[in-house]
């Protein structure tokens, strides 16, 4: 198979991300890995195994890469393939761990949201809130922050932790109290706690902020 591509031309195409026939690329990579057992090539092959639902061989390759002790297990590519494999296997606790590591490795708060989604699959509302708050600490764009705030509050509501809902609103609600759509969510969440006094306070502050754009 390797001989069909003199000078490893096929390898260059694969590394460049060129679209190829999945079965052909798997067959080529399997042969190439035997000749050149490179961690990067193993990751490429593992990713393709995940694509064709061959989770057993994908998992074996990921373990081989981790065992090579080259630091590849902290490489974003390795983490991404590992995350996809865990999701495919519905191993959500493992998936959220990889998503969290990807958030740190790539400094991308959207991975915290994926970690929170994985936590919700196992009804771990506390962890979901934790991941959303980590995203809030990382993201600085106001508009991009709101989905993380909303996700944290919704997780607290689903978990019946109304004290946490009030804490989140007290910590972050002021940031979203001058936008009508966002403020509606904040008020609805305050009402959902069943604490009439708290909801009334939030409503008055929102009204004031919408009128004057002052912070509370």
Protein backbone atom coordinates (compact mmCIF):
# COMPACT_ATOMS: atom_id res chain seq x y z
CA UNK A 1 0.00 0.00 0.00
CA UNK A 2 2.79 2.40 0.92
CA UNK A 3 4.43 1.73 -2.43
CA UNK A 4 1.43 3.27 -4.18
CA UNK A 5 2.47 6.69 -2.89
CA UNK A 6 6.18 7.31 -3.51
CA UNK A 7 7.78 9.73 -1.12
CA UNK A 8 4.86 9.32 1.28
CA UNK A 9 2.73 11.65 -0.87
CA UNK A 10 -0.43 10.21 0.67
CA UNK A 11 0.92 10.98 4.13
CA UNK A 12 1.41 14.62 3.15
CA UNK A 13 -2.17 14.76 1.89
CA UNK A 14 -3.48 13.30 5.12
CA UNK A 15 -1.43 15.63 7.28
CA UNK A 16 -2.66 18.56 5.23
CA UNK A 17 -6.22 17.53 5.98
CA UNK A 18 -7.09 16.70 2.40
CA UNK A 19 -10.38 14.83 1.93
CA UNK A 20 -9.76 11.20 1.05
CA UNK A 21 -11.77 8.01 0.93
CA UNK A 22 -12.11 6.97 4.57
CA UNK A 23 -11.54 3.27 3.90
CA UNK A 24 -8.55 4.02 1.71
CA UNK A 25 -7.03 6.37 4.27
CA UNK A 26 -7.52 3.81 7.07
CA UNK A 27 -5.85 1.09 5.02
CA UNK A 28 -2.98 3.41 4.14
CA UNK A 29 -2.49 4.67 7.68
CA UNK A 30 -2.54 1.16 9.12
CA UNK A 31 0.28 0.17 6.80
CA UNK A 32 2.15 3.40 7.39
CA UNK A 33 1.94 3.08 11.18
CA UNK A 34 3.51 -0.38 10.93
CA UNK A 35 6.45 1.11 9.06
CA UNK A 36 6.53 4.43 10.91
CA UNK A 37 4.87 4.13 14.36
CA UNK A 38 4.53 7.88 14.86
CA UNK A 39 2.11 9.21 17.51
CA UNK A 40 0.74 11.82 15.14
CA UNK A 41 -0.13 9.16 12.57
CA UNK A 42 -1.72 7.00 15.26
CA UNK A 43 -3.93 9.92 16.22
CA UNK A 44 -5.00 10.37 12.62
CA UNK A 45 -5.85 6.68 12.42
CA UNK A 46 -7.69 6.74 15.76
CA UNK A 47 -9.79 9.67 14.55
CA UNK A 48 -10.82 7.70 11.48
CA UNK A 49 -11.65 4.64 13.57
CA UNK A 50 -14.00 6.83 15.63
CA UNK A 51 -15.59 8.07 12.41
CA UNK A 52 -16.37 4.50 11.30
CA UNK A 53 -17.46 3.48 14.83
CA UNK A 54 -14.50 1.16 15.40
CA UNK A 55 -14.15 2.27 19.01
CA UNK A 56 -12.08 -0.69 20.18
CA UNK A 57 -9.19 0.00 17.82
CA UNK A 58 -9.48 3.75 18.37
CA UNK A 59 -9.20 3.25 22.12
CA UNK A 60 -6.21 0.96 21.74
CA UNK A 61 -4.34 3.51 19.65
CA UNK A 62 -5.09 6.32 22.10
CA UNK A 63 -3.70 4.17 24.93
CA UNK A 64 -0.57 3.49 22.89
CA UNK A 65 -0.04 7.21 22.35
CA UNK A 66 -0.54 7.95 26.05
CA UNK A 67 1.85 5.13 27.00
CA UNK A 68 4.60 6.53 24.77
CA UNK A 69 5.20 9.23 27.42
CA UNK A 70 5.95 11.89 24.82
CA UNK A 71 3.49 14.31 26.37
CA UNK A 72 1.10 13.64 23.51
CA UNK A 73 -1.74 12.91 25.94
CA UNK A 74 -1.88 16.64 26.66
CA UNK A 75 -1.82 17.50 22.96
CA UNK A 76 -5.14 19.09 21.89
CA UNK A 77 -5.40 16.64 18.97
CA UNK A 78 -5.12 13.67 21.33
CA UNK A 79 -7.61 15.23 23.74
CA UNK A 80 -10.06 15.95 20.92
CA UNK A 81 -10.00 12.40 19.57
CA UNK A 82 -10.28 11.06 23.11
CA UNK A 83 -13.26 13.33 23.79
CA UNK A 84 -15.02 12.22 20.62
CA UNK A 85 -14.37 8.58 21.46
CA UNK A 86 -15.78 9.02 24.98
CA UNK A 87 -18.90 10.75 23.63
CA UNK A 88 -19.36 8.00 21.04
CA UNK A 89 -19.17 5.42 23.83
CA UNK A 90 -21.55 7.53 25.96
CA UNK A 91 -18.87 7.66 28.64
CA UNK A 92 -19.86 11.16 29.70
CA UNK A 93 -17.76 11.36 32.85
CA UNK A 94 -14.63 10.71 30.80
CA UNK A 95 -15.86 13.05 28.06
CA UNK A 96 -16.29 15.96 30.46
CA UNK A 97 -12.76 15.42 31.78
CA UNK A 98 -11.32 15.67 28.27
CA UNK A 99 -13.50 18.70 27.48
CA UNK A 100 -12.23 20.46 30.59
CA UNK A 101 -8.63 19.72 29.62
CA UNK A 102 -9.31 21.01 26.11
CA UNK A 103 -10.72 24.24 27.56
CA UNK A 104 -7.47 24.74 29.46
CA UNK A 105 -5.17 23.61 26.63
CA UNK A 106 -6.84 25.75 23.98
CA UNK A 107 -7.98 28.57 26.28
CA UNK A 108 -11.43 28.12 24.77
CA UNK A 109 -14.38 28.52 27.19
CA UNK A 110 -16.76 26.80 24.78
CA UNK A 111 -15.16 23.51 25.82
CA UNK A 112 -16.34 24.17 29.38
CA UNK A 113 -19.85 24.28 27.94
CA UNK A 114 -19.29 20.87 26.33
CA UNK A 115 -18.04 19.60 29.70
CA UNK A 116 -21.22 20.95 31.29
CA UNK A 117 -23.36 19.21 28.67
CA UNK A 118 -21.60 15.93 29.44
CA UNK A 119 -22.20 16.46 33.16
CA UNK A 120 -25.91 16.99 32.52
CA UNK A 121 -26.12 13.60 30.80
CA UNK A 122 -25.28 12.07 34.19
CA UNK A 123 -27.52 14.53 36.09
CA UNK A 124 -24.49 16.04 37.79
CA UNK A 125 -25.94 19.54 38.06
CA UNK A 126 -23.29 20.76 40.49
CA UNK A 127 -20.51 19.91 38.02
CA UNK A 128 -22.43 21.52 35.17
CA UNK A 129 -22.67 24.73 37.20
CA UNK A 130 -18.97 24.52 38.01
CA UNK A 131 -18.04 24.23 34.33
CA UNK A 132 -20.31 27.10 33.31
CA UNK A 133 -18.77 29.31 35.98
CA UNK A 134 -15.31 28.35 34.73
CA UNK A 135 -16.41 29.54 31.29
CA UNK A 136 -17.67 32.80 32.81
CA UNK A 137 -14.28 33.35 34.43
CA UNK A 138 -12.57 32.77 31.08
CA UNK A 139 -14.82 34.58 28.60
CA UNK A 140 -14.70 38.38 28.58
CA UNK A 141 -17.16 39.14 25.77
CA UNK A 142 -20.48 40.25 27.31
CA UNK A 143 -22.70 38.60 24.69
CA UNK A 144 -20.76 35.34 24.75
CA UNK A 145 -20.87 35.24 28.56
CA UNK A 146 -24.65 35.18 28.78
CA UNK A 147 -25.14 31.57 27.52
CA UNK A 148 -22.75 30.37 30.24
CA UNK A 149 -24.67 32.30 32.90
CA UNK A 150 -27.95 30.94 31.56
CA UNK A 151 -26.54 27.40 31.48
CA UNK A 152 -25.41 27.64 35.11
CA UNK A 153 -28.79 28.98 36.27
CA UNK A 154 -30.73 26.36 34.31
CA UNK A 155 -28.59 23.57 35.77
CA UNK A 156 -29.29 24.91 39.27
CA UNK A 157 -33.02 25.07 38.52
CA UNK A 158 -33.08 21.53 37.12
CA UNK A 159 -31.25 20.35 40.22
CA UNK A 160 -33.71 22.16 42.48
CA UNK A 161 -30.91 24.18 44.08
CA UNK A 162 -32.70 27.51 44.47
CA UNK A 163 -30.07 28.83 46.83
CA UNK A 164 -27.54 28.41 44.02
CA UNK A 165 -29.89 30.19 41.61
CA UNK A 166 -30.00 33.18 43.94
CA UNK A 167 -26.22 33.11 44.37
CA UNK A 168 -25.67 33.10 40.59
CA UNK A 169 -28.13 35.94 40.05
CA UNK A 170 -26.51 37.95 42.85
CA UNK A 171 -23.04 37.39 41.38
CA UNK A 172 -23.71 37.76 37.67
CA UNK A 173 -27.25 39.06 37.19
CA UNK A 174 -26.28 42.71 37.29
CA UNK A 175 -24.22 42.26 34.14
CA UNK A 176 -27.31 41.20 32.21
CA UNK A 177 -29.87 43.53 33.78
CA UNK A 178 -29.61 46.29 31.16
CA UNK A 179 -30.57 44.08 28.21
CA UNK A 180 -34.30 43.36 27.94
CA UNK A 181 -34.05 39.75 26.71
CA UNK A 182 -31.36 38.84 29.20
CA UNK A 183 -33.15 40.67 32.01
CA UNK A 184 -36.32 38.69 31.31
CA UNK A 185 -34.40 35.48 31.91
CA UNK A 186 -32.89 36.83 35.12
CA UNK A 187 -36.33 37.83 36.44
CA UNK A 188 -37.98 34.56 35.41
CA UNK A 189 -35.22 32.64 37.19
CA UNK A 190 -35.62 34.78 40.32
CA UNK A 191 -39.36 34.05 40.31
CA UNK A 192 -38.66 30.34 39.87
CA UNK A 193 -36.91 30.25 43.25
CA UNK A 194 -40.25 30.83 44.97
CA UNK A 195 -38.67 33.58 47.07
CA UNK A 196 -41.10 36.46 46.46
CA UNK A 197 -38.98 38.98 48.35
CA UNK A 198 -35.86 38.11 46.36
CA UNK A 199 -37.77 38.20 43.05
CA UNK A 200 -39.26 41.60 43.93
CA UNK A 201 -35.82 43.01 44.71
CA UNK A 202 -34.45 41.69 41.42
CA UNK A 203 -37.44 43.09 39.49
CA UNK A 204 -37.00 46.56 41.00
CA UNK A 205 -33.29 46.58 40.23
CA UNK A 206 -33.87 45.43 36.65
CA UNK A 207 -36.50 48.12 36.15
CA UNK A 208 -34.15 50.76 37.47
CA UNK A 209 -31.26 49.53 35.34
CA UNK A 210 -33.35 49.36 32.18
CA UNK A 211 -34.45 52.92 32.76
CA UNK A 212 -31.14 54.42 33.76
CA UNK A 213 -28.57 51.76 32.74
CA UNK A 214 -27.05 52.01 36.21
CA UNK A 215 -25.59 48.91 37.84
CA UNK A 216 -26.91 47.50 41.04
